[in-house]
Amino acid sequence: MTTWNSRGLRGSTLEDLINRTNEQYMEKGLALIQKVPTPITPIKIDKENRHITLAYFDQKSTVDYIGAVQGLPVCFDAKECNYDTFSLQNIHAHQMKFMELFEKQGGISFFIIFYTHRNEMYYLPYDHIKVFWQRAEDGGRKSFRFEELDQSFQIRQNHGVLVPYLEPLQRDLNRRE
């Protein structure tokens, strides 16, 4: 069994781990989650090798992933953090607005945050990040500390799933009822 903290996955990005997880969930019929491509405009193209060598981001992207879990619409973004303090500059206002509108349509929005120095992952529900976001907008801290996270939303590896976010998603749904 390969775990996300094993030597074999060193150098893998959080996105790679989530992509693999999404493939597993799809194969098991549990969820259908797609990576949202970031739109770019190519500036230079190596015609011989047919590779883009220079480009810029075309527009603001919304979230990293979107799809459905057992008929429930979900969207989420993945972030990595090297410190116990997570800067809200890593999240953009348009992402928060998209998640807010997504939730108003009956969907579930959240972040997956990987604290690389701790080798720990957390599911961060939209309403929790909104509290931190509002605090910053009201002139408070422009970040949140690791200690402020709800520890019950830690993503714990199990059953060979690399980033088993469906379990904290279920906890999120249970508390909303």
N, C-alpha and C. Protein backbone atom coordinates (compact mmCIF):
# COMPACT_ATOMS: atom_id res chain seq x y z
N MET A 1 0.84 -1.18 0.00
CA MET A 1 0.00 0.00 0.00
C MET A 1 0.88 1.24 0.00
N THR A 2 0.64 2.16 -0.91
CA THR A 2 1.40 3.40 -0.98
C THR A 2 0.68 4.48 -0.21
N THR A 3 1.40 5.20 0.62
CA THR A 3 0.79 6.29 1.37
C THR A 3 1.36 7.60 0.88
N TRP A 4 0.65 8.69 1.16
CA TRP A 4 1.09 9.98 0.66
C TRP A 4 2.30 10.51 1.40
N ASN A 5 2.72 9.81 2.45
CA ASN A 5 3.94 10.25 3.12
C ASN A 5 5.08 9.26 2.89
N SER A 6 4.93 8.36 1.92
CA SER A 6 5.98 7.39 1.66
C SER A 6 7.06 8.00 0.78
N ARG A 7 8.22 7.37 0.78
CA ARG A 7 9.32 7.85 -0.05
C ARG A 7 8.97 7.81 -1.52
N GLY A 8 8.15 6.86 -1.92
CA GLY A 8 7.81 6.70 -3.33
C GLY A 8 7.07 7.89 -3.91
N LEU A 9 6.45 8.69 -3.07
CA LEU A 9 5.68 9.83 -3.56
C LEU A 9 6.36 11.16 -3.28
N ARG A 10 7.58 11.14 -2.82
CA ARG A 10 8.29 12.40 -2.61
C ARG A 10 8.39 13.14 -3.93
N GLY A 11 8.14 14.43 -3.88
CA GLY A 11 8.21 15.23 -5.09
C GLY A 11 6.87 15.32 -5.79
N SER A 12 5.92 14.45 -5.42
CA SER A 12 4.59 14.56 -6.01
C SER A 12 3.91 15.79 -5.44
N THR A 13 3.14 16.42 -6.25
CA THR A 13 2.42 17.58 -5.77
C THR A 13 1.09 17.14 -5.19
N LEU A 14 0.49 18.01 -4.41
CA LEU A 14 -0.82 17.74 -3.86
C LEU A 14 -1.81 17.45 -4.98
N GLU A 15 -1.70 18.20 -6.06
CA GLU A 15 -2.60 17.97 -7.20
C GLU A 15 -2.47 16.56 -7.75
N ASP A 16 -1.26 16.05 -7.88
CA ASP A 16 -1.05 14.69 -8.36
C ASP A 16 -1.76 13.68 -7.45
N LEU A 17 -1.64 13.88 -6.15
CA LEU A 17 -2.27 12.97 -5.19
C LEU A 17 -3.78 13.03 -5.30
N ILE A 18 -4.32 14.24 -5.45
CA ILE A 18 -5.77 14.39 -5.57
C ILE A 18 -6.25 13.80 -6.89
N ASN A 19 -5.50 14.01 -7.96
CA ASN A 19 -5.89 13.43 -9.25
C ASN A 19 -5.97 11.91 -9.17
N ARG A 20 -4.99 11.31 -8.51
CA ARG A 20 -5.00 9.85 -8.34
C ARG A 20 -6.20 9.42 -7.50
N THR A 21 -6.46 10.17 -6.45
CA THR A 21 -7.61 9.88 -5.59
C THR A 21 -8.90 9.96 -6.38
N ASN A 22 -9.04 11.00 -7.19
CA ASN A 22 -10.25 11.16 -7.99
C ASN A 22 -10.43 10.00 -8.97
N GLU A 23 -9.33 9.49 -9.51
CA GLU A 23 -9.41 8.32 -10.39
C GLU A 23 -9.93 7.11 -9.61
N GLN A 24 -9.42 6.94 -8.38
CA GLN A 24 -9.88 5.83 -7.55
C GLN A 24 -11.36 5.96 -7.24
N TYR A 25 -11.79 7.16 -6.88
CA TYR A 25 -13.20 7.38 -6.56
C TYR A 25 -14.08 7.12 -7.79
N MET A 26 -13.62 7.52 -8.96
CA MET A 26 -14.38 7.29 -10.18
C MET A 26 -14.49 5.79 -10.47
N GLU A 27 -13.36 5.08 -10.36
CA GLU A 27 -13.36 3.64 -10.62
C GLU A 27 -14.29 2.89 -9.67
N LYS A 28 -14.41 3.38 -8.44
CA LYS A 28 -15.28 2.74 -7.45
C LYS A 28 -16.72 3.24 -7.55
N GLY A 29 -16.98 4.19 -8.45
CA GLY A 29 -18.32 4.73 -8.60
C GLY A 29 -18.76 5.63 -7.47
N LEU A 30 -17.80 6.18 -6.71
CA LEU A 30 -18.12 7.03 -5.57
C LEU A 30 -18.27 8.49 -5.93
N ALA A 31 -17.52 8.95 -6.93
CA ALA A 31 -17.54 10.36 -7.29
C ALA A 31 -17.02 10.53 -8.70
N LEU A 32 -17.40 11.65 -9.29
CA LEU A 32 -16.86 12.04 -10.59
C LEU A 32 -16.40 13.49 -10.44
N ILE A 33 -15.10 13.65 -10.25
CA ILE A 33 -14.50 14.96 -10.01
C ILE A 33 -13.50 15.24 -11.12
N GLN A 34 -13.58 16.41 -11.71
CA GLN A 34 -12.69 16.80 -12.80
C GLN A 34 -11.78 17.94 -12.36
N LYS A 35 -10.55 17.89 -12.82
CA LYS A 35 -9.61 19.00 -12.64
C LYS A 35 -10.02 20.09 -13.62
N VAL A 36 -10.15 21.31 -13.13
CA VAL A 36 -10.52 22.44 -13.98
C VAL A 36 -9.24 23.00 -14.59
N PRO A 37 -9.12 22.97 -15.91
CA PRO A 37 -7.89 23.50 -16.53
C PRO A 37 -7.81 25.01 -16.38
N THR A 38 -6.60 25.49 -16.21
CA THR A 38 -6.37 26.93 -16.13
C THR A 38 -6.21 27.45 -17.54
N PRO A 39 -7.09 28.37 -17.96
CA PRO A 39 -6.99 28.89 -19.33
C PRO A 39 -5.74 29.75 -19.53
N ILE A 40 -5.01 29.46 -20.62
CA ILE A 40 -3.80 30.23 -20.94
C ILE A 40 -3.86 30.72 -22.38
N THR A 41 -3.09 31.76 -22.63
CA THR A 41 -2.91 32.25 -24.00
C THR A 41 -1.44 32.06 -24.35
N PRO A 42 -1.15 31.22 -25.35
CA PRO A 42 0.25 31.01 -25.75
C PRO A 42 0.83 32.27 -26.39
N ILE A 43 2.09 32.54 -26.10
CA ILE A 43 2.79 33.66 -26.72
C ILE A 43 3.87 33.14 -27.67
N LYS A 44 4.62 32.15 -27.22
CA LYS A 44 5.64 31.53 -28.07
C LYS A 44 5.40 30.03 -28.13
N ILE A 45 5.49 29.51 -29.35
CA ILE A 45 5.31 28.08 -29.55
C ILE A 45 6.51 27.54 -30.31
N ASP A 46 7.11 26.49 -29.77
CA ASP A 46 8.19 25.79 -30.46
C ASP A 46 7.52 24.92 -31.52
N LYS A 47 7.52 25.40 -32.77
CA LYS A 47 6.79 24.72 -33.84
C LYS A 47 7.36 23.34 -34.15
N GLU A 48 8.66 23.19 -33.97
CA GLU A 48 9.28 21.90 -34.26
C GLU A 48 8.79 20.82 -33.30
N ASN A 49 8.74 21.16 -32.00
CA ASN A 49 8.32 20.20 -30.98
C ASN A 49 6.86 20.35 -30.58
N ARG A 50 6.22 21.37 -31.13
CA ARG A 50 4.81 21.65 -30.84
C ARG A 50 4.55 21.84 -29.35
N HIS A 51 5.44 22.59 -28.70
CA HIS A 51 5.30 22.89 -27.28
C HIS A 51 5.14 24.39 -27.09
N ILE A 52 4.31 24.75 -26.13
CA ILE A 52 4.19 26.16 -25.74
C ILE A 52 5.39 26.47 -24.85
N THR A 53 6.15 27.49 -25.22
CA THR A 53 7.34 27.85 -24.43
C THR A 53 7.11 29.11 -23.60
N LEU A 54 6.10 29.90 -23.95
CA LEU A 54 5.78 31.09 -23.18
C LEU A 54 4.29 31.35 -23.31
N ALA A 55 3.64 31.62 -22.16
CA ALA A 55 2.20 31.87 -22.17
C ALA A 55 1.85 32.71 -20.94
N TYR A 56 0.64 33.25 -20.94
CA TYR A 56 0.15 33.93 -19.75
C TYR A 56 -1.24 33.42 -19.43
N PHE A 57 -1.63 33.57 -18.16
CA PHE A 57 -2.95 33.14 -17.75
C PHE A 57 -3.98 34.05 -18.37
N ASP A 58 -4.94 33.45 -19.05
CA ASP A 58 -5.94 34.16 -19.83
C ASP A 58 -6.95 34.89 -18.96
N GLN A 59 -7.43 34.21 -17.94
CA GLN A 59 -8.45 34.79 -17.07
C GLN A 59 -8.31 34.18 -15.69
N LYS A 60 -9.05 34.74 -14.74
CA LYS A 60 -9.02 34.21 -13.40
C LYS A 60 -9.72 32.85 -13.38
N SER A 61 -9.06 31.88 -12.81
CA SER A 61 -9.71 30.58 -12.68
C SER A 61 -10.58 30.59 -11.44
N THR A 62 -11.47 29.63 -11.34
CA THR A 62 -12.37 29.59 -10.19
C THR A 62 -11.80 28.68 -9.12
N VAL A 63 -11.97 27.39 -9.28
CA VAL A 63 -11.47 26.42 -8.32
C VAL A 63 -10.68 25.35 -9.08
N ASP A 64 -9.95 24.53 -8.35
CA ASP A 64 -9.14 23.48 -8.98
C ASP A 64 -9.98 22.29 -9.45
N TYR A 65 -11.04 21.96 -8.70
CA TYR A 65 -11.80 20.75 -8.97
C TYR A 65 -13.29 21.01 -8.85
N ILE A 66 -14.05 20.30 -9.69
CA ILE A 66 -15.51 20.42 -9.63
C ILE A 66 -16.11 19.10 -10.11
N GLY A 67 -17.24 18.74 -9.54
CA GLY A 67 -17.89 17.50 -9.94
C GLY A 67 -19.03 17.14 -9.02
N ALA A 68 -19.26 15.83 -8.90
CA ALA A 68 -20.37 15.34 -8.09
C ALA A 68 -19.93 14.12 -7.29
N VAL A 69 -20.43 14.07 -6.06
CA VAL A 69 -20.22 12.93 -5.17
C VAL A 69 -21.60 12.38 -4.84
N GLN A 70 -21.90 11.21 -5.39
CA GLN A 70 -23.20 10.58 -5.14
C GLN A 70 -24.35 11.56 -5.40
N GLY A 71 -24.25 12.32 -6.47
CA GLY A 71 -25.29 13.26 -6.86
C GLY A 71 -25.19 14.64 -6.23
N LEU A 72 -24.26 14.82 -5.32
CA LEU A 72 -24.08 16.11 -4.65
C LEU A 72 -23.01 16.92 -5.38
N PRO A 73 -23.34 18.14 -5.83
CA PRO A 73 -22.32 18.96 -6.48
C PRO A 73 -21.26 19.41 -5.48
N VAL A 74 -20.00 19.26 -5.86
CA VAL A 74 -18.90 19.71 -5.00
C VAL A 74 -17.88 20.48 -5.84
N CYS A 75 -17.24 21.43 -5.20
CA CYS A 75 -16.10 22.11 -5.80
C CYS A 75 -15.09 22.35 -4.69
N PHE A 76 -13.81 22.29 -5.07
CA PHE A 76 -12.79 22.55 -4.06
C PHE A 76 -11.50 23.00 -4.71
N ASP A 77 -10.66 23.56 -3.87
CA ASP A 77 -9.36 24.05 -4.29
C ASP A 77 -8.32 23.39 -3.40
N ALA A 78 -7.15 23.14 -3.95
CA ALA A 78 -6.06 22.50 -3.22
C ALA A 78 -4.94 23.50 -2.99
N LYS A 79 -4.46 23.57 -1.77
CA LYS A 79 -3.38 24.50 -1.41
C LYS A 79 -2.34 23.77 -0.58
N GLU A 80 -1.08 24.14 -0.79
CA GLU A 80 0.01 23.63 0.03
C GLU A 80 0.55 24.77 0.88
N CYS A 81 0.98 24.42 2.08
CA CYS A 81 1.49 25.42 3.02
C CYS A 81 2.72 24.85 3.71
N ASN A 82 3.78 25.66 3.80
CA ASN A 82 5.03 25.22 4.42
C ASN A 82 5.16 25.66 5.88
N TYR A 83 4.17 26.38 6.39
CA TYR A 83 4.25 26.96 7.73
C TYR A 83 2.96 26.68 8.48
N ASP A 84 2.95 26.96 9.77
CA ASP A 84 1.74 26.81 10.56
C ASP A 84 0.77 27.97 10.36
N THR A 85 1.23 29.01 9.68
CA THR A 85 0.37 30.15 9.36
C THR A 85 0.08 30.12 7.87
N PHE A 86 -1.22 30.13 7.53
CA PHE A 86 -1.65 30.10 6.13
C PHE A 86 -2.11 31.50 5.74
N SER A 87 -1.41 32.10 4.79
CA SER A 87 -1.75 33.45 4.34
C SER A 87 -2.98 33.41 3.44
N LEU A 88 -3.93 34.27 3.71
CA LEU A 88 -5.13 34.35 2.89
C LEU A 88 -4.85 34.95 1.52
N GLN A 89 -3.63 35.46 1.30
CA GLN A 89 -3.25 35.93 -0.03
C GLN A 89 -3.21 34.78 -1.03
N ASN A 90 -3.14 33.55 -0.51
CA ASN A 90 -3.14 32.36 -1.37
C ASN A 90 -4.53 32.05 -1.93
N ILE A 91 -5.52 32.75 -1.44
CA ILE A 91 -6.89 32.57 -1.90
C ILE A 91 -7.35 33.90 -2.49
N HIS A 92 -8.01 33.85 -3.62
CA HIS A 92 -8.43 35.07 -4.31
C HIS A 92 -9.90 35.35 -4.09
N ALA A 93 -10.24 36.62 -4.12
CA ALA A 93 -11.63 37.04 -3.89
C ALA A 93 -12.58 36.36 -4.87
N HIS A 94 -12.18 36.22 -6.13
CA HIS A 94 -13.07 35.59 -7.10
C HIS A 94 -13.32 34.11 -6.78
N GLN A 95 -12.35 33.45 -6.14
CA GLN A 95 -12.55 32.06 -5.72
C GLN A 95 -13.58 32.00 -4.59
N MET A 96 -13.45 32.90 -3.63
CA MET A 96 -14.40 32.94 -2.52
C MET A 96 -15.81 33.23 -3.04
N LYS A 97 -15.91 34.15 -3.99
CA LYS A 97 -17.23 34.49 -4.55
C LYS A 97 -17.82 33.29 -5.28
N PHE A 98 -17.00 32.58 -6.07
CA PHE A 98 -17.48 31.40 -6.79
C PHE A 98 -17.99 30.36 -5.79
N MET A 99 -17.23 30.13 -4.73
CA MET A 99 -17.63 29.13 -3.74
C MET A 99 -18.92 29.55 -3.04
N GLU A 100 -19.04 30.82 -2.75
CA GLU A 100 -20.26 31.33 -2.12
C GLU A 100 -21.47 31.07 -3.03
N LEU A 101 -21.35 31.40 -4.30
CA LEU A 101 -22.45 31.19 -5.25
C LEU A 101 -22.73 29.70 -5.45
N PHE A 102 -21.68 28.88 -5.44
CA PHE A 102 -21.82 27.44 -5.58
C PHE A 102 -22.64 26.88 -4.42
N GLU A 103 -22.33 27.34 -3.21
CA GLU A 103 -23.06 26.89 -2.02
C GLU A 103 -24.52 27.34 -2.08
N LYS A 104 -24.76 28.55 -2.57
CA LYS A 104 -26.14 29.05 -2.69
C LYS A 104 -26.96 28.20 -3.65
N GLN A 105 -26.29 27.50 -4.58
CA GLN A 105 -26.97 26.62 -5.53
C GLN A 105 -27.12 25.19 -4.98
N GLY A 106 -26.77 25.00 -3.71
CA GLY A 106 -26.93 23.69 -3.09
C GLY A 106 -25.70 22.81 -3.14
N GLY A 107 -24.58 23.35 -3.61
CA GLY A 107 -23.35 22.58 -3.66
C GLY A 107 -22.55 22.71 -2.38
N ILE A 108 -21.49 21.94 -2.30
CA ILE A 108 -20.57 21.97 -1.16
C ILE A 108 -19.22 22.44 -1.67
N SER A 109 -18.66 23.45 -1.01
CA SER A 109 -17.36 24.01 -1.37
C SER A 109 -16.39 23.81 -0.21
N PHE A 110 -15.14 23.55 -0.54
CA PHE A 110 -14.15 23.37 0.52
C PHE A 110 -12.74 23.51 -0.07
N PHE A 111 -11.77 23.56 0.83
CA PHE A 111 -10.36 23.56 0.47
C PHE A 111 -9.73 22.31 1.04
N ILE A 112 -8.73 21.81 0.35
CA ILE A 112 -7.85 20.79 0.91
C ILE A 112 -6.51 21.47 1.09
N ILE A 113 -6.05 21.52 2.32
CA ILE A 113 -4.78 22.18 2.62
C ILE A 113 -3.78 21.13 3.11
N PHE A 114 -2.63 21.10 2.46
CA PHE A 114 -1.56 20.18 2.82
C PHE A 114 -0.46 20.98 3.51
N TYR A 115 -0.29 20.72 4.80
CA TYR A 115 0.80 21.33 5.57
C TYR A 115 2.03 20.45 5.36
N THR A 116 2.85 20.83 4.41
CA THR A 116 3.96 19.99 3.99
C THR A 116 4.96 19.73 5.12
N HIS A 117 5.24 20.74 5.92
CA HIS A 117 6.23 20.57 7.00
C HIS A 117 5.72 19.65 8.10
N ARG A 118 4.42 19.48 8.21
CA ARG A 118 3.82 18.57 9.19
C ARG A 118 3.43 17.23 8.55
N ASN A 119 3.37 17.24 7.22
CA ASN A 119 2.89 16.08 6.48
C ASN A 119 1.46 15.73 6.88
N GLU A 120 0.62 16.78 6.98
CA GLU A 120 -0.77 16.62 7.36
C GLU A 120 -1.67 17.36 6.39
N MET A 121 -2.84 16.76 6.13
CA MET A 121 -3.82 17.37 5.23
C MET A 121 -5.10 17.65 6.00
N TYR A 122 -5.75 18.73 5.59
CA TYR A 122 -7.01 19.12 6.22
C TYR A 122 -8.04 19.50 5.18
N TYR A 123 -9.27 19.14 5.49
CA TYR A 123 -10.46 19.55 4.75
C TYR A 123 -10.93 20.82 5.45
N LEU A 124 -11.03 21.91 4.70
CA LEU A 124 -11.45 23.18 5.28
C LEU A 124 -12.76 23.60 4.63
N PRO A 125 -13.88 23.43 5.36
CA PRO A 125 -15.18 23.79 4.80
C PRO A 125 -15.25 25.28 4.44
N TYR A 126 -16.08 25.58 3.45
CA TYR A 126 -16.23 26.96 3.00
C TYR A 126 -16.62 27.89 4.15
N ASP A 127 -17.56 27.48 4.98
CA ASP A 127 -18.00 28.38 6.05
C ASP A 127 -16.88 28.66 7.06
N HIS A 128 -15.92 27.75 7.21
CA HIS A 128 -14.79 28.00 8.11
C HIS A 128 -13.83 29.02 7.49
N ILE A 129 -13.50 28.84 6.21
CA ILE A 129 -12.59 29.80 5.55
C ILE A 129 -13.24 31.17 5.46
N LYS A 130 -14.56 31.18 5.34
CA LYS A 130 -15.29 32.45 5.26
C LYS A 130 -15.12 33.27 6.55
N VAL A 131 -15.06 32.60 7.68
CA VAL A 131 -14.83 33.29 8.96
C VAL A 131 -13.46 33.97 8.94
N PHE A 132 -12.44 33.23 8.49
CA PHE A 132 -11.09 33.80 8.43
C PHE A 132 -11.05 34.96 7.42
N TRP A 133 -11.71 34.77 6.29
CA TRP A 133 -11.75 35.78 5.22
C TRP A 133 -12.43 37.06 5.73
N GLN A 134 -13.56 36.90 6.41
CA GLN A 134 -14.29 38.05 6.94
C GLN A 134 -13.47 38.79 8.00
N ARG A 135 -12.77 38.02 8.83
CA ARG A 135 -11.91 38.62 9.85
C ARG A 135 -10.86 39.52 9.18
N ALA A 136 -10.26 39.05 8.08
CA ALA A 136 -9.26 39.83 7.36
C ALA A 136 -9.90 41.08 6.75
N GLU A 137 -11.08 40.92 6.16
CA GLU A 137 -11.77 42.08 5.56
C GLU A 137 -12.15 43.12 6.61
N ASP A 138 -12.38 42.67 7.85
CA ASP A 138 -12.73 43.58 8.94
C ASP A 138 -11.50 44.20 9.60
N GLY A 139 -10.33 43.98 9.00
CA GLY A 139 -9.10 44.58 9.52
C GLY A 139 -8.29 43.69 10.43
N GLY A 140 -8.71 42.45 10.60
CA GLY A 140 -7.98 41.51 11.45
C GLY A 140 -6.87 40.80 10.70
N ARG A 141 -6.45 39.70 11.27
CA ARG A 141 -5.37 38.89 10.68
C ARG A 141 -5.66 38.56 9.23
N LYS A 142 -4.63 38.61 8.40
CA LYS A 142 -4.74 38.26 6.99
C LYS A 142 -4.25 36.83 6.76
N SER A 143 -4.39 36.03 7.80
CA SER A 143 -3.96 34.64 7.77
C SER A 143 -4.73 33.89 8.86
N PHE A 144 -4.56 32.58 8.87
CA PHE A 144 -5.07 31.81 10.00
C PHE A 144 -3.99 30.84 10.43
N ARG A 145 -4.02 30.50 11.70
CA ARG A 145 -3.01 29.61 12.27
C ARG A 145 -3.50 28.16 12.24
N PHE A 146 -2.57 27.27 12.18
CA PHE A 146 -2.86 25.84 12.18
C PHE A 146 -3.79 25.48 13.35
N GLU A 147 -3.54 26.08 14.50
CA GLU A 147 -4.31 25.78 15.71
C GLU A 147 -5.78 26.17 15.56
N GLU A 148 -6.08 27.03 14.61
CA GLU A 148 -7.47 27.47 14.41
C GLU A 148 -8.29 26.48 13.61
N LEU A 149 -7.64 25.50 13.01
CA LEU A 149 -8.36 24.50 12.22
C LEU A 149 -9.12 23.54 13.12
N ASP A 150 -10.26 23.08 12.65
CA ASP A 150 -11.02 22.04 13.33
C ASP A 150 -10.30 20.72 13.08
N GLN A 151 -9.70 20.16 14.12
CA GLN A 151 -8.88 18.95 13.98
C GLN A 151 -9.70 17.74 13.53
N SER A 152 -11.02 17.80 13.70
CA SER A 152 -11.84 16.67 13.26
C SER A 152 -11.91 16.58 11.73
N PHE A 153 -11.42 17.62 11.04
CA PHE A 153 -11.40 17.62 9.58
C PHE A 153 -10.04 17.24 9.01
N GLN A 154 -9.18 16.67 9.85
CA GLN A 154 -7.92 16.17 9.31
C GLN A 154 -8.22 15.02 8.35
N ILE A 155 -7.53 15.01 7.23
CA ILE A 155 -7.70 13.94 6.24
C ILE A 155 -6.68 12.86 6.58
N ARG A 156 -7.20 11.74 7.02
CA ARG A 156 -6.34 10.63 7.45
C ARG A 156 -6.35 9.54 6.40
N GLN A 157 -5.16 9.08 6.05
CA GLN A 157 -5.02 8.07 5.01
C GLN A 157 -5.63 6.76 5.45
N ASN A 158 -6.37 6.12 4.52
CA ASN A 158 -6.95 4.82 4.83
C ASN A 158 -7.32 4.08 3.56
N HIS A 159 -7.43 2.79 3.63
CA HIS A 159 -7.90 1.94 2.53
C HIS A 159 -7.14 2.20 1.22
N GLY A 160 -5.91 2.64 1.29
CA GLY A 160 -5.12 2.85 0.09
C GLY A 160 -5.50 4.08 -0.72
N VAL A 161 -6.41 4.90 -0.21
CA VAL A 161 -6.79 6.14 -0.89
C VAL A 161 -5.80 7.22 -0.46
N LEU A 162 -5.21 7.90 -1.42
CA LEU A 162 -4.14 8.85 -1.12
C LEU A 162 -4.63 10.09 -0.36
N VAL A 163 -5.74 10.67 -0.80
CA VAL A 163 -6.29 11.86 -0.13
C VAL A 163 -7.79 11.59 0.10
N PRO A 164 -8.12 10.79 1.11
CA PRO A 164 -9.51 10.38 1.31
C PRO A 164 -10.38 11.51 1.88
N TYR A 165 -10.76 12.42 0.99
CA TYR A 165 -11.53 13.58 1.43
C TYR A 165 -13.03 13.31 1.55
N LEU A 166 -13.49 12.14 1.13
CA LEU A 166 -14.93 11.85 1.24
C LEU A 166 -15.37 11.70 2.70
N GLU A 167 -14.50 11.22 3.56
CA GLU A 167 -14.86 11.07 4.97
C GLU A 167 -15.07 12.42 5.65
N PRO A 168 -14.15 13.38 5.51
CA PRO A 168 -14.45 14.69 6.11
C PRO A 168 -15.60 15.40 5.40
N LEU A 169 -15.80 15.11 4.11
CA LEU A 169 -16.96 15.67 3.42
C LEU A 169 -18.24 15.17 4.07
N GLN A 170 -18.28 13.89 4.44
CA GLN A 170 -19.45 13.34 5.12
C GLN A 170 -19.65 14.00 6.48
N ARG A 171 -18.55 14.24 7.23
CA ARG A 171 -18.66 14.94 8.50
C ARG A 171 -19.22 16.35 8.30
N ASP A 172 -18.76 17.01 7.22
CA ASP A 172 -19.26 18.34 6.89
C ASP A 172 -20.76 18.29 6.63
N LEU A 173 -21.20 17.33 5.84
CA LEU A 173 -22.64 17.19 5.54
C LEU A 173 -23.44 16.91 6.81
N ASN A 174 -22.92 16.05 7.67
CA ASN A 174 -23.63 15.71 8.92
C ASN A 174 -23.83 16.94 9.81
N ARG A 175 -22.83 17.79 9.89
CA ARG A 175 -22.96 18.95 10.77
C ARG A 175 -23.89 20.01 10.18
N ARG A 176 -24.08 19.99 8.87
CA ARG A 176 -24.96 20.96 8.20
C ARG A 176 -26.43 20.62 8.40
N GLU A 177 -26.71 19.35 8.72
CA GLU A 177 -28.12 18.91 8.85
C GLU A 177 -28.79 19.44 10.09
